[in-house]
């Protein structure tokens, strides 16, 4: 039987969902990038623009891609993290190429943050990103990488973060076509989302 503060290698997977190291960050990065794909592929006769929180979370994507996926000590496969990278790069290239062929002017207009939102919310989003990431790092260092409480918290962060990112696709598609968008709801949603996703990334550094 495992001690209270150690991992049971049979009952408790070392990484969230039992996936190789870097897989969940790869999924999150793909979802974050997917928002930009959706905006670029949106019908050209409608106004569409990524929310500011998506631009902020790109810092996390760059952080995840700055280091190469590595296999764990027990020799687990790192195929999934590399697959996520291939999908990220290949998908982005295909979407941008298609957008250039369809309407080159849409790329710059749709990938430019809203000026008013940038002026009002940029500091808030960056502060949340910074505090969330540092909180994840701090919790990991205080509790230790193999502490059961830490692993449970990290798993919940991964689950909630992934669910919020997936649900936001539905929110974005539903609200983009609306005349009166619930902007405040979307921004507070993203504040929570950025905090959770950045905290998870912090636990994985």
N, C-alpha and C. Protein backbone atom coordinates (compact mmCIF):
# COMPACT_ATOMS: atom_id res chain seq x y z
N UNK A 1 0.85 -1.20 0.00
CA UNK A 1 0.00 0.00 0.00
C UNK A 1 0.88 1.25 0.00
N UNK A 2 0.51 2.23 -0.81
CA UNK A 2 1.29 3.45 -0.90
C UNK A 2 1.09 4.30 0.34
N UNK A 3 2.13 5.07 0.70
CA UNK A 3 2.01 5.99 1.82
C UNK A 3 1.07 7.12 1.43
N UNK A 4 0.59 7.86 2.44
CA UNK A 4 -0.41 8.91 2.20
C UNK A 4 0.08 10.01 1.28
N UNK A 5 1.40 10.28 1.32
CA UNK A 5 1.91 11.40 0.54
C UNK A 5 2.65 10.95 -0.71
N UNK A 6 2.47 9.71 -1.14
CA UNK A 6 3.15 9.22 -2.31
C UNK A 6 2.17 8.64 -3.30
N UNK A 7 2.64 8.46 -4.51
CA UNK A 7 1.78 8.00 -5.59
C UNK A 7 1.70 6.49 -5.61
N UNK A 8 0.50 5.96 -5.72
CA UNK A 8 0.29 4.54 -5.98
C UNK A 8 0.39 4.37 -7.49
N UNK A 9 1.46 3.75 -7.96
CA UNK A 9 1.73 3.67 -9.40
C UNK A 9 0.69 2.85 -10.15
N UNK A 10 -0.11 2.06 -9.44
CA UNK A 10 -1.13 1.25 -10.09
C UNK A 10 -2.44 2.00 -10.16
N UNK A 11 -2.88 2.57 -9.02
CA UNK A 11 -4.19 3.22 -8.94
C UNK A 11 -4.16 4.66 -9.41
N UNK A 12 -3.04 5.35 -9.23
CA UNK A 12 -2.96 6.76 -9.56
C UNK A 12 -1.95 6.98 -10.68
N UNK A 13 -2.40 7.36 -11.88
CA UNK A 13 -1.46 7.62 -12.96
C UNK A 13 -0.56 8.80 -12.64
N UNK A 14 0.66 8.75 -13.18
CA UNK A 14 1.61 9.81 -12.89
C UNK A 14 1.19 11.13 -13.52
N UNK A 15 0.60 11.07 -14.69
CA UNK A 15 0.18 12.26 -15.40
C UNK A 15 -1.34 12.25 -15.56
N UNK A 16 -1.97 13.44 -15.73
CA UNK A 16 -3.42 13.49 -15.89
C UNK A 16 -3.90 12.59 -17.02
N UNK A 17 -4.98 11.85 -16.76
CA UNK A 17 -5.59 10.92 -17.71
C UNK A 17 -4.67 9.75 -18.06
N UNK A 18 -3.54 9.63 -17.38
CA UNK A 18 -2.61 8.55 -17.66
C UNK A 18 -1.87 8.72 -18.98
N UNK A 19 -1.89 9.93 -19.55
CA UNK A 19 -1.25 10.20 -20.83
C UNK A 19 0.22 10.56 -20.63
N UNK A 20 1.04 10.42 -21.67
CA UNK A 20 2.45 10.81 -21.57
C UNK A 20 2.60 12.28 -21.23
N UNK A 21 3.73 12.61 -20.63
CA UNK A 21 4.00 13.99 -20.23
C UNK A 21 3.91 14.93 -21.43
N UNK A 22 3.19 16.03 -21.25
CA UNK A 22 3.04 17.02 -22.31
C UNK A 22 1.79 16.86 -23.15
N UNK A 23 1.07 15.75 -22.97
CA UNK A 23 -0.10 15.50 -23.81
C UNK A 23 -1.23 16.49 -23.53
N UNK A 24 -1.53 16.71 -22.23
CA UNK A 24 -2.62 17.61 -21.88
C UNK A 24 -2.30 19.04 -22.31
N UNK A 25 -1.07 19.47 -22.12
CA UNK A 25 -0.67 20.79 -22.59
C UNK A 25 -0.79 20.89 -24.11
N UNK A 26 -0.50 19.77 -24.79
CA UNK A 26 -0.66 19.74 -26.24
C UNK A 26 -2.12 19.89 -26.65
N UNK A 27 -3.02 19.19 -25.95
CA UNK A 27 -4.46 19.32 -26.23
C UNK A 27 -4.92 20.75 -25.98
N UNK A 28 -4.50 21.32 -24.84
CA UNK A 28 -4.90 22.69 -24.53
C UNK A 28 -4.37 23.67 -25.57
N UNK A 29 -3.13 23.49 -25.99
CA UNK A 29 -2.54 24.37 -27.00
C UNK A 29 -3.30 24.26 -28.31
N UNK A 30 -3.70 23.05 -28.65
CA UNK A 30 -4.46 22.85 -29.89
C UNK A 30 -5.82 23.54 -29.82
N UNK A 31 -6.46 23.47 -28.65
CA UNK A 31 -7.75 24.13 -28.47
C UNK A 31 -7.61 25.64 -28.52
N UNK A 32 -6.57 26.17 -27.87
CA UNK A 32 -6.34 27.61 -27.90
C UNK A 32 -6.11 28.09 -29.32
N UNK A 33 -5.29 27.35 -30.06
CA UNK A 33 -5.04 27.70 -31.45
C UNK A 33 -6.30 27.52 -32.30
N UNK A 34 -7.14 26.54 -31.93
CA UNK A 34 -8.36 26.28 -32.68
C UNK A 34 -9.31 27.46 -32.73
N UNK A 35 -9.27 28.32 -31.68
CA UNK A 35 -10.11 29.51 -31.71
C UNK A 35 -9.73 30.43 -32.87
N UNK A 36 -8.42 30.55 -33.12
CA UNK A 36 -7.96 31.39 -34.22
C UNK A 36 -8.31 30.75 -35.56
N UNK A 37 -8.23 29.43 -35.65
CA UNK A 37 -8.64 28.75 -36.87
C UNK A 37 -10.12 29.03 -37.16
N UNK A 38 -10.93 28.92 -36.10
CA UNK A 38 -12.37 29.12 -36.27
C UNK A 38 -12.67 30.53 -36.76
N UNK A 39 -11.99 31.51 -36.19
CA UNK A 39 -12.21 32.89 -36.59
C UNK A 39 -11.81 33.11 -38.05
N UNK A 40 -10.68 32.53 -38.46
CA UNK A 40 -10.23 32.70 -39.84
C UNK A 40 -11.15 32.00 -40.83
N UNK A 41 -11.76 30.91 -40.41
CA UNK A 41 -12.63 30.15 -41.30
C UNK A 41 -14.08 30.62 -41.25
N UNK A 42 -14.37 31.58 -40.36
CA UNK A 42 -15.73 32.08 -40.23
C UNK A 42 -16.16 32.78 -41.52
N UNK A 43 -17.44 32.71 -41.90
CA UNK A 43 -17.90 33.36 -43.14
C UNK A 43 -17.44 34.80 -43.23
N UNK A 44 -16.97 35.19 -44.41
CA UNK A 44 -16.36 36.51 -44.58
C UNK A 44 -17.36 37.66 -44.47
N UNK A 45 -18.65 37.36 -44.58
CA UNK A 45 -19.65 38.43 -44.50
C UNK A 45 -20.07 38.72 -43.06
N UNK A 46 -19.48 38.03 -42.10
CA UNK A 46 -19.80 38.25 -40.69
C UNK A 46 -18.56 38.71 -39.94
N UNK A 47 -18.77 39.50 -38.89
CA UNK A 47 -17.67 40.01 -38.07
C UNK A 47 -17.26 38.94 -37.06
N UNK A 48 -15.99 38.62 -37.04
CA UNK A 48 -15.48 37.62 -36.09
C UNK A 48 -14.08 38.03 -35.66
N UNK A 49 -13.80 37.88 -34.37
CA UNK A 49 -12.48 38.24 -33.85
C UNK A 49 -12.24 37.45 -32.58
N UNK A 50 -11.04 36.89 -32.40
CA UNK A 50 -10.75 36.17 -31.16
C UNK A 50 -10.85 37.10 -29.95
N UNK A 51 -11.31 36.58 -28.83
CA UNK A 51 -11.34 37.36 -27.61
C UNK A 51 -9.92 37.58 -27.10
N UNK A 52 -9.74 38.61 -26.33
CA UNK A 52 -8.40 38.99 -25.88
C UNK A 52 -7.73 37.87 -25.08
N UNK A 53 -8.52 37.11 -24.33
CA UNK A 53 -7.95 36.02 -23.55
C UNK A 53 -7.23 35.00 -24.38
N UNK A 54 -7.67 34.82 -25.65
CA UNK A 54 -7.00 33.87 -26.54
C UNK A 54 -5.60 34.35 -26.88
N UNK A 55 -5.46 35.65 -27.11
CA UNK A 55 -4.14 36.20 -27.40
C UNK A 55 -3.22 36.03 -26.20
N UNK A 56 -3.75 36.23 -25.00
CA UNK A 56 -2.94 36.08 -23.79
C UNK A 56 -2.50 34.64 -23.61
N UNK A 57 -3.42 33.69 -23.86
CA UNK A 57 -3.06 32.28 -23.68
C UNK A 57 -2.06 31.78 -24.70
N UNK A 58 -1.85 32.54 -25.77
CA UNK A 58 -0.81 32.16 -26.72
C UNK A 58 0.57 32.15 -26.07
N UNK A 59 0.77 32.95 -25.01
CA UNK A 59 2.02 32.92 -24.28
C UNK A 59 2.26 31.52 -23.69
N UNK A 60 1.18 30.88 -23.22
CA UNK A 60 1.29 29.53 -22.67
C UNK A 60 1.62 28.53 -23.77
N UNK A 61 1.02 28.73 -24.94
CA UNK A 61 1.29 27.84 -26.07
C UNK A 61 2.76 27.93 -26.46
N UNK A 62 3.29 29.16 -26.54
CA UNK A 62 4.70 29.34 -26.88
C UNK A 62 5.59 28.71 -25.82
N UNK A 63 5.18 28.80 -24.56
CA UNK A 63 5.94 28.18 -23.48
C UNK A 63 5.96 26.66 -23.62
N UNK A 64 4.81 26.09 -23.95
CA UNK A 64 4.73 24.64 -24.11
C UNK A 64 5.56 24.15 -25.28
N UNK A 65 5.62 24.95 -26.34
CA UNK A 65 6.35 24.55 -27.53
C UNK A 65 7.82 24.92 -27.47
N UNK A 66 8.22 25.65 -26.43
CA UNK A 66 9.61 26.06 -26.31
C UNK A 66 10.50 24.90 -25.90
N UNK A 67 9.90 23.89 -25.26
CA UNK A 67 10.65 22.73 -24.82
C UNK A 67 10.18 21.51 -25.60
N UNK A 68 11.09 20.63 -25.93
CA UNK A 68 10.74 19.42 -26.68
C UNK A 68 10.08 18.41 -25.78
N UNK A 69 9.05 17.69 -26.26
CA UNK A 69 8.44 16.63 -25.47
C UNK A 69 9.48 15.57 -25.13
N UNK A 70 9.43 15.09 -23.91
CA UNK A 70 10.37 14.05 -23.51
C UNK A 70 9.63 12.91 -22.85
N UNK A 71 10.14 11.72 -23.03
CA UNK A 71 9.52 10.54 -22.44
C UNK A 71 9.79 10.52 -20.95
N UNK A 72 8.89 9.91 -20.20
CA UNK A 72 9.05 9.82 -18.76
C UNK A 72 10.14 8.81 -18.41
N UNK A 73 10.49 8.75 -17.12
CA UNK A 73 11.57 7.89 -16.68
C UNK A 73 11.28 6.41 -16.95
N UNK A 74 10.03 6.03 -16.97
CA UNK A 74 9.68 4.63 -17.16
C UNK A 74 9.59 4.25 -18.63
N UNK A 75 10.03 5.10 -19.53
CA UNK A 75 10.08 4.78 -20.94
C UNK A 75 8.76 4.90 -21.67
N UNK A 76 7.85 5.73 -21.17
CA UNK A 76 6.57 5.88 -21.84
C UNK A 76 6.75 6.61 -23.17
N UNK A 77 5.84 6.36 -24.08
CA UNK A 77 5.92 6.95 -25.41
C UNK A 77 5.65 8.44 -25.37
N UNK A 78 6.35 9.19 -26.22
CA UNK A 78 6.07 10.62 -26.36
C UNK A 78 5.44 10.92 -27.71
N UNK A 79 4.74 9.91 -28.28
CA UNK A 79 4.10 10.06 -29.58
C UNK A 79 3.01 11.12 -29.55
N UNK A 80 2.15 11.10 -28.51
CA UNK A 80 1.02 12.04 -28.46
C UNK A 80 1.49 13.50 -28.41
N UNK A 81 2.46 13.86 -27.54
CA UNK A 81 2.92 15.26 -27.56
C UNK A 81 3.45 15.70 -28.92
N UNK A 82 4.19 14.82 -29.59
CA UNK A 82 4.70 15.18 -30.92
C UNK A 82 3.56 15.27 -31.93
N UNK A 83 2.55 14.40 -31.79
CA UNK A 83 1.39 14.46 -32.68
C UNK A 83 0.66 15.79 -32.51
N UNK A 84 0.51 16.25 -31.26
CA UNK A 84 -0.13 17.54 -31.02
C UNK A 84 0.63 18.67 -31.69
N UNK A 85 1.96 18.59 -31.66
CA UNK A 85 2.78 19.61 -32.32
C UNK A 85 2.56 19.59 -33.83
N UNK A 86 2.52 18.40 -34.39
CA UNK A 86 2.33 18.27 -35.84
C UNK A 86 0.97 18.83 -36.25
N UNK A 87 -0.08 18.51 -35.46
CA UNK A 87 -1.42 19.03 -35.76
C UNK A 87 -1.46 20.54 -35.62
N UNK A 88 -0.78 21.06 -34.61
CA UNK A 88 -0.74 22.50 -34.37
C UNK A 88 -0.10 23.22 -35.55
N UNK A 89 1.07 22.75 -35.97
CA UNK A 89 1.80 23.41 -37.05
C UNK A 89 1.10 23.17 -38.39
N UNK A 90 0.74 21.92 -38.66
CA UNK A 90 0.09 21.61 -39.93
C UNK A 90 -1.27 22.27 -40.06
N UNK A 91 -2.07 22.22 -39.00
CA UNK A 91 -3.39 22.86 -39.04
C UNK A 91 -3.29 24.35 -39.24
N UNK A 92 -2.36 24.98 -38.54
CA UNK A 92 -2.19 26.44 -38.67
C UNK A 92 -1.78 26.80 -40.09
N UNK A 93 -0.84 26.03 -40.66
CA UNK A 93 -0.38 26.31 -42.01
C UNK A 93 -1.52 26.17 -43.03
N UNK A 94 -2.33 25.13 -42.87
CA UNK A 94 -3.43 24.91 -43.81
C UNK A 94 -4.49 26.02 -43.71
N UNK A 95 -4.83 26.40 -42.47
CA UNK A 95 -5.86 27.43 -42.29
C UNK A 95 -5.39 28.77 -42.83
N UNK A 96 -4.13 29.13 -42.54
CA UNK A 96 -3.59 30.41 -43.04
C UNK A 96 -3.52 30.39 -44.56
N UNK A 97 -3.07 29.27 -45.14
CA UNK A 97 -2.98 29.19 -46.60
C UNK A 97 -4.36 29.32 -47.24
N UNK A 98 -5.34 28.65 -46.66
CA UNK A 98 -6.70 28.74 -47.19
C UNK A 98 -7.24 30.16 -47.07
N UNK A 99 -6.96 30.81 -45.94
CA UNK A 99 -7.43 32.18 -45.72
C UNK A 99 -6.78 33.15 -46.70
N UNK A 100 -5.51 32.93 -47.01
CA UNK A 100 -4.82 33.78 -47.98
C UNK A 100 -5.44 33.65 -49.36
N UNK A 101 -5.81 32.44 -49.70
CA UNK A 101 -6.42 32.21 -51.01
C UNK A 101 -7.83 32.80 -51.04
N UNK A 102 -8.58 32.63 -49.98
CA UNK A 102 -9.96 33.08 -49.95
C UNK A 102 -10.08 34.59 -49.88
N UNK A 103 -9.39 35.20 -48.90
CA UNK A 103 -9.46 36.65 -48.72
C UNK A 103 -8.30 37.09 -47.83
N UNK A 104 -7.18 37.51 -48.44
CA UNK A 104 -5.98 37.86 -47.65
C UNK A 104 -6.23 38.96 -46.62
N UNK A 105 -7.14 39.88 -46.90
CA UNK A 105 -7.36 41.01 -45.99
C UNK A 105 -7.99 40.58 -44.68
N UNK A 106 -8.69 39.43 -44.69
CA UNK A 106 -9.35 38.98 -43.47
C UNK A 106 -8.36 38.58 -42.38
N UNK A 107 -7.18 38.12 -42.77
CA UNK A 107 -6.21 37.63 -41.78
C UNK A 107 -5.81 38.76 -40.82
N UNK A 108 -5.40 39.90 -41.38
CA UNK A 108 -4.97 41.00 -40.51
C UNK A 108 -6.12 41.57 -39.70
N UNK A 109 -7.29 41.67 -40.30
CA UNK A 109 -8.43 42.27 -39.60
C UNK A 109 -8.95 41.35 -38.49
N UNK A 110 -8.96 40.05 -38.75
CA UNK A 110 -9.52 39.13 -37.77
C UNK A 110 -8.52 38.70 -36.69
N UNK A 111 -7.24 38.89 -36.95
CA UNK A 111 -6.24 38.53 -35.95
C UNK A 111 -5.69 39.75 -35.23
N UNK A 112 -6.41 40.86 -35.30
CA UNK A 112 -6.05 42.06 -34.57
C UNK A 112 -7.01 42.24 -33.40
N UNK A 113 -6.50 42.31 -32.16
CA UNK A 113 -7.40 42.46 -31.00
C UNK A 113 -8.20 43.75 -31.08
N UNK A 114 -9.37 43.73 -30.46
CA UNK A 114 -10.19 44.92 -30.38
C UNK A 114 -9.46 45.98 -29.54
N UNK A 115 -9.36 47.18 -30.08
CA UNK A 115 -8.58 48.24 -29.43
C UNK A 115 -9.16 48.58 -28.05
N UNK A 116 -10.46 48.72 -27.95
CA UNK A 116 -11.08 49.08 -26.67
C UNK A 116 -10.89 47.96 -25.64
N UNK A 117 -11.05 46.73 -26.07
CA UNK A 117 -10.86 45.61 -25.15
C UNK A 117 -9.40 45.52 -24.72
N UNK A 118 -8.50 45.78 -25.65
CA UNK A 118 -7.07 45.74 -25.34
C UNK A 118 -6.72 46.80 -24.29
N UNK A 119 -7.27 47.97 -24.45
CA UNK A 119 -6.97 49.08 -23.53
C UNK A 119 -7.54 48.80 -22.13
N UNK A 120 -8.72 48.18 -22.07
CA UNK A 120 -9.42 48.01 -20.79
C UNK A 120 -9.03 46.73 -20.06
N UNK A 121 -8.78 45.66 -20.80
CA UNK A 121 -8.63 44.34 -20.18
C UNK A 121 -7.24 43.73 -20.26
N UNK A 122 -6.34 44.32 -21.02
CA UNK A 122 -5.03 43.70 -21.21
C UNK A 122 -4.29 43.51 -19.88
N UNK A 123 -4.26 44.54 -19.05
CA UNK A 123 -3.56 44.45 -17.76
C UNK A 123 -4.18 43.37 -16.89
N UNK A 124 -5.50 43.29 -16.87
CA UNK A 124 -6.19 42.28 -16.05
C UNK A 124 -5.83 40.88 -16.50
N UNK A 125 -5.90 40.63 -17.81
CA UNK A 125 -5.59 39.30 -18.31
C UNK A 125 -4.14 38.91 -18.05
N UNK A 126 -3.22 39.84 -18.25
CA UNK A 126 -1.81 39.54 -18.02
C UNK A 126 -1.53 39.27 -16.55
N UNK A 127 -2.21 40.03 -15.66
CA UNK A 127 -2.04 39.80 -14.23
C UNK A 127 -2.57 38.42 -13.83
N UNK A 128 -3.72 38.05 -14.36
CA UNK A 128 -4.30 36.74 -14.07
C UNK A 128 -3.39 35.63 -14.59
N UNK A 129 -2.87 35.80 -15.80
CA UNK A 129 -1.96 34.81 -16.36
C UNK A 129 -0.72 34.65 -15.49
N UNK A 130 -0.14 35.76 -15.06
CA UNK A 130 1.07 35.73 -14.25
C UNK A 130 0.82 35.09 -12.89
N UNK A 131 -0.26 35.52 -12.22
CA UNK A 131 -0.57 34.99 -10.88
C UNK A 131 -0.95 33.52 -10.96
N UNK A 132 -1.74 33.15 -11.97
CA UNK A 132 -2.13 31.76 -12.13
C UNK A 132 -0.93 30.85 -12.35
N UNK A 133 -0.03 31.26 -13.24
CA UNK A 133 1.14 30.45 -13.54
C UNK A 133 2.04 30.30 -12.32
N UNK A 134 2.31 31.42 -11.65
CA UNK A 134 3.16 31.37 -10.45
C UNK A 134 2.52 30.55 -9.34
N UNK A 135 1.19 30.59 -9.23
CA UNK A 135 0.50 29.79 -8.22
C UNK A 135 0.71 28.30 -8.48
N UNK A 136 0.63 27.90 -9.76
CA UNK A 136 0.88 26.50 -10.10
C UNK A 136 2.29 26.08 -9.76
N UNK A 137 3.26 26.95 -10.06
CA UNK A 137 4.66 26.65 -9.73
C UNK A 137 4.85 26.55 -8.23
N UNK A 138 4.26 27.49 -7.49
CA UNK A 138 4.39 27.51 -6.03
C UNK A 138 3.79 26.27 -5.39
N UNK A 139 2.59 25.90 -5.82
CA UNK A 139 1.94 24.70 -5.27
C UNK A 139 2.77 23.46 -5.53
N UNK A 140 3.31 23.35 -6.73
CA UNK A 140 4.15 22.20 -7.07
C UNK A 140 5.39 22.14 -6.18
N UNK A 141 6.04 23.29 -5.95
CA UNK A 141 7.25 23.30 -5.14
C UNK A 141 6.96 23.06 -3.66
N UNK A 142 5.82 23.56 -3.17
CA UNK A 142 5.49 23.38 -1.76
C UNK A 142 5.07 21.95 -1.44
N UNK A 143 4.25 21.36 -2.30
CA UNK A 143 3.73 20.02 -2.03
C UNK A 143 4.62 18.91 -2.57
N UNK A 144 5.35 19.19 -3.64
CA UNK A 144 6.18 18.15 -4.25
C UNK A 144 5.46 17.48 -5.41
N UNK A 145 6.21 17.05 -6.39
CA UNK A 145 5.64 16.50 -7.61
C UNK A 145 4.88 15.20 -7.41
N UNK A 146 5.21 14.44 -6.35
CA UNK A 146 4.57 13.14 -6.15
C UNK A 146 3.54 13.14 -5.04
N UNK A 147 3.25 14.31 -4.48
CA UNK A 147 2.26 14.41 -3.43
C UNK A 147 0.86 14.15 -3.98
N UNK A 148 0.07 13.33 -3.30
CA UNK A 148 -1.26 12.96 -3.78
C UNK A 148 -2.16 14.18 -3.90
N UNK A 149 -2.09 15.09 -2.94
CA UNK A 149 -2.93 16.29 -3.00
C UNK A 149 -2.57 17.12 -4.23
N UNK A 150 -1.26 17.26 -4.48
CA UNK A 150 -0.82 18.02 -5.65
C UNK A 150 -1.30 17.36 -6.94
N UNK A 151 -1.15 16.04 -7.05
CA UNK A 151 -1.56 15.34 -8.26
C UNK A 151 -3.07 15.44 -8.49
N UNK A 152 -3.83 15.38 -7.40
CA UNK A 152 -5.28 15.51 -7.51
C UNK A 152 -5.66 16.91 -7.99
N UNK A 153 -5.03 17.93 -7.38
CA UNK A 153 -5.30 19.31 -7.78
C UNK A 153 -4.91 19.53 -9.23
N UNK A 154 -3.77 19.00 -9.63
CA UNK A 154 -3.31 19.17 -11.01
C UNK A 154 -4.28 18.51 -12.00
N UNK A 155 -4.78 17.35 -11.63
CA UNK A 155 -5.73 16.65 -12.49
C UNK A 155 -7.02 17.44 -12.64
N UNK A 156 -7.50 18.02 -11.53
CA UNK A 156 -8.73 18.82 -11.60
C UNK A 156 -8.52 20.08 -12.45
N UNK A 157 -7.35 20.69 -12.33
CA UNK A 157 -7.05 21.85 -13.16
C UNK A 157 -7.08 21.48 -14.64
N UNK A 158 -6.54 20.31 -14.96
CA UNK A 158 -6.53 19.88 -16.36
C UNK A 158 -7.94 19.61 -16.86
N UNK A 159 -8.77 18.97 -16.04
CA UNK A 159 -10.14 18.65 -16.44
C UNK A 159 -10.95 19.92 -16.64
N UNK A 160 -10.94 20.81 -15.64
CA UNK A 160 -11.73 22.04 -15.72
C UNK A 160 -11.23 22.92 -16.87
N UNK A 161 -9.92 23.02 -17.03
CA UNK A 161 -9.36 23.82 -18.12
C UNK A 161 -9.79 23.32 -19.49
N UNK A 162 -9.71 22.00 -19.69
CA UNK A 162 -10.11 21.42 -20.97
C UNK A 162 -11.60 21.61 -21.24
N UNK A 163 -12.42 21.42 -20.19
CA UNK A 163 -13.86 21.58 -20.35
C UNK A 163 -14.21 23.02 -20.71
N UNK A 164 -13.58 23.99 -20.04
CA UNK A 164 -13.87 25.39 -20.34
C UNK A 164 -13.43 25.76 -21.76
N UNK A 165 -12.30 25.23 -22.20
CA UNK A 165 -11.83 25.52 -23.54
C UNK A 165 -12.77 24.94 -24.60
N UNK A 166 -13.25 23.73 -24.34
CA UNK A 166 -14.17 23.10 -25.29
C UNK A 166 -15.50 23.84 -25.32
N UNK A 167 -16.03 24.16 -24.13
CA UNK A 167 -17.31 24.87 -24.07
C UNK A 167 -17.23 26.24 -24.72
N UNK A 168 -16.06 26.84 -24.68
CA UNK A 168 -15.94 28.19 -25.25
C UNK A 168 -16.10 28.17 -26.77
N UNK A 169 -15.80 27.03 -27.40
CA UNK A 169 -16.07 26.93 -28.84
C UNK A 169 -17.56 27.14 -29.10
N UNK A 170 -18.39 26.49 -28.29
CA UNK A 170 -19.84 26.64 -28.45
C UNK A 170 -20.27 28.07 -28.16
N UNK A 171 -19.69 28.68 -27.12
CA UNK A 171 -20.03 30.06 -26.77
C UNK A 171 -19.63 31.01 -27.89
N UNK A 172 -18.43 30.79 -28.44
CA UNK A 172 -17.94 31.68 -29.48
C UNK A 172 -18.82 31.59 -30.73
N UNK A 173 -19.19 30.37 -31.11
CA UNK A 173 -20.04 30.20 -32.29
C UNK A 173 -21.43 30.78 -32.07
N UNK A 174 -21.94 30.63 -30.84
CA UNK A 174 -23.29 31.12 -30.55
C UNK A 174 -23.32 32.64 -30.47
N UNK A 175 -22.30 33.24 -29.86
CA UNK A 175 -22.33 34.68 -29.62
C UNK A 175 -21.82 35.51 -30.80
N UNK A 176 -21.01 34.90 -31.67
CA UNK A 176 -20.45 35.67 -32.79
C UNK A 176 -21.54 36.20 -33.70
N UNK A 177 -22.58 35.41 -33.91
CA UNK A 177 -23.65 35.81 -34.81
C UNK A 177 -24.72 36.67 -34.14
N UNK A 178 -24.59 36.92 -32.83
CA UNK A 178 -25.58 37.72 -32.11
C UNK A 178 -25.29 39.21 -32.26
N UNK A 179 -26.35 40.00 -32.34
CA UNK A 179 -26.19 41.45 -32.42
C UNK A 179 -25.76 42.04 -31.09
N UNK A 180 -26.37 41.58 -30.00
CA UNK A 180 -26.02 42.06 -28.66
C UNK A 180 -25.26 40.96 -27.92
N UNK A 181 -23.96 41.00 -28.01
CA UNK A 181 -23.14 39.96 -27.40
C UNK A 181 -22.98 40.22 -25.90
N UNK A 182 -23.04 39.19 -25.07
CA UNK A 182 -22.80 39.36 -23.62
C UNK A 182 -21.30 39.49 -23.35
N UNK A 183 -20.74 40.64 -23.70
CA UNK A 183 -19.30 40.83 -23.64
C UNK A 183 -18.75 40.64 -22.24
N UNK A 184 -19.43 41.18 -21.22
CA UNK A 184 -18.93 41.06 -19.86
C UNK A 184 -18.88 39.59 -19.42
N UNK A 185 -19.91 38.82 -19.76
CA UNK A 185 -19.92 37.40 -19.42
C UNK A 185 -18.73 36.70 -20.04
N UNK A 186 -18.46 36.96 -21.33
CA UNK A 186 -17.36 36.31 -22.02
C UNK A 186 -16.02 36.69 -21.42
N UNK A 187 -15.88 37.92 -21.02
CA UNK A 187 -14.60 38.36 -20.47
C UNK A 187 -14.35 37.76 -19.08
N UNK A 188 -15.38 37.72 -18.23
CA UNK A 188 -15.20 37.12 -16.91
C UNK A 188 -15.00 35.61 -17.03
N UNK A 189 -15.67 35.00 -18.02
CA UNK A 189 -15.45 33.58 -18.30
C UNK A 189 -13.97 33.36 -18.63
N UNK A 190 -13.42 34.23 -19.47
CA UNK A 190 -12.03 34.07 -19.88
C UNK A 190 -11.05 34.38 -18.75
N UNK A 191 -11.41 35.27 -17.85
CA UNK A 191 -10.55 35.53 -16.70
C UNK A 191 -10.38 34.25 -15.89
N UNK A 192 -11.49 33.56 -15.63
CA UNK A 192 -11.42 32.30 -14.89
C UNK A 192 -10.67 31.24 -15.70
N UNK A 193 -10.95 31.19 -16.98
CA UNK A 193 -10.31 30.22 -17.87
C UNK A 193 -8.79 30.43 -17.91
N UNK A 194 -8.36 31.66 -18.09
CA UNK A 194 -6.93 31.96 -18.12
C UNK A 194 -6.26 31.58 -16.80
N UNK A 195 -6.93 31.86 -15.68
CA UNK A 195 -6.38 31.52 -14.37
C UNK A 195 -6.17 30.02 -14.23
N UNK A 196 -7.15 29.22 -14.63
CA UNK A 196 -7.08 27.77 -14.48
C UNK A 196 -6.05 27.17 -15.43
N UNK A 197 -6.10 27.58 -16.70
CA UNK A 197 -5.17 27.02 -17.68
C UNK A 197 -3.73 27.41 -17.35
N UNK A 198 -3.50 28.66 -16.97
CA UNK A 198 -2.14 29.08 -16.63
C UNK A 198 -1.64 28.38 -15.37
N UNK A 199 -2.53 28.15 -14.39
CA UNK A 199 -2.14 27.42 -13.20
C UNK A 199 -1.72 26.00 -13.54
N UNK A 200 -2.46 25.36 -14.45
CA UNK A 200 -2.08 24.01 -14.87
C UNK A 200 -0.71 24.01 -15.54
N UNK A 201 -0.49 24.95 -16.44
CA UNK A 201 0.81 25.03 -17.10
C UNK A 201 1.91 25.25 -16.07
N UNK A 202 1.61 26.03 -15.03
CA UNK A 202 2.61 26.26 -13.99
C UNK A 202 2.97 25.00 -13.23
N UNK A 203 1.99 24.10 -13.04
CA UNK A 203 2.28 22.85 -12.33
C UNK A 203 3.12 21.90 -13.16
N UNK A 204 3.21 22.14 -14.46
CA UNK A 204 3.90 21.22 -15.37
C UNK A 204 5.29 21.71 -15.77
N UNK A 205 5.68 22.89 -15.30
CA UNK A 205 7.01 23.40 -15.67
C UNK A 205 8.10 22.53 -15.06
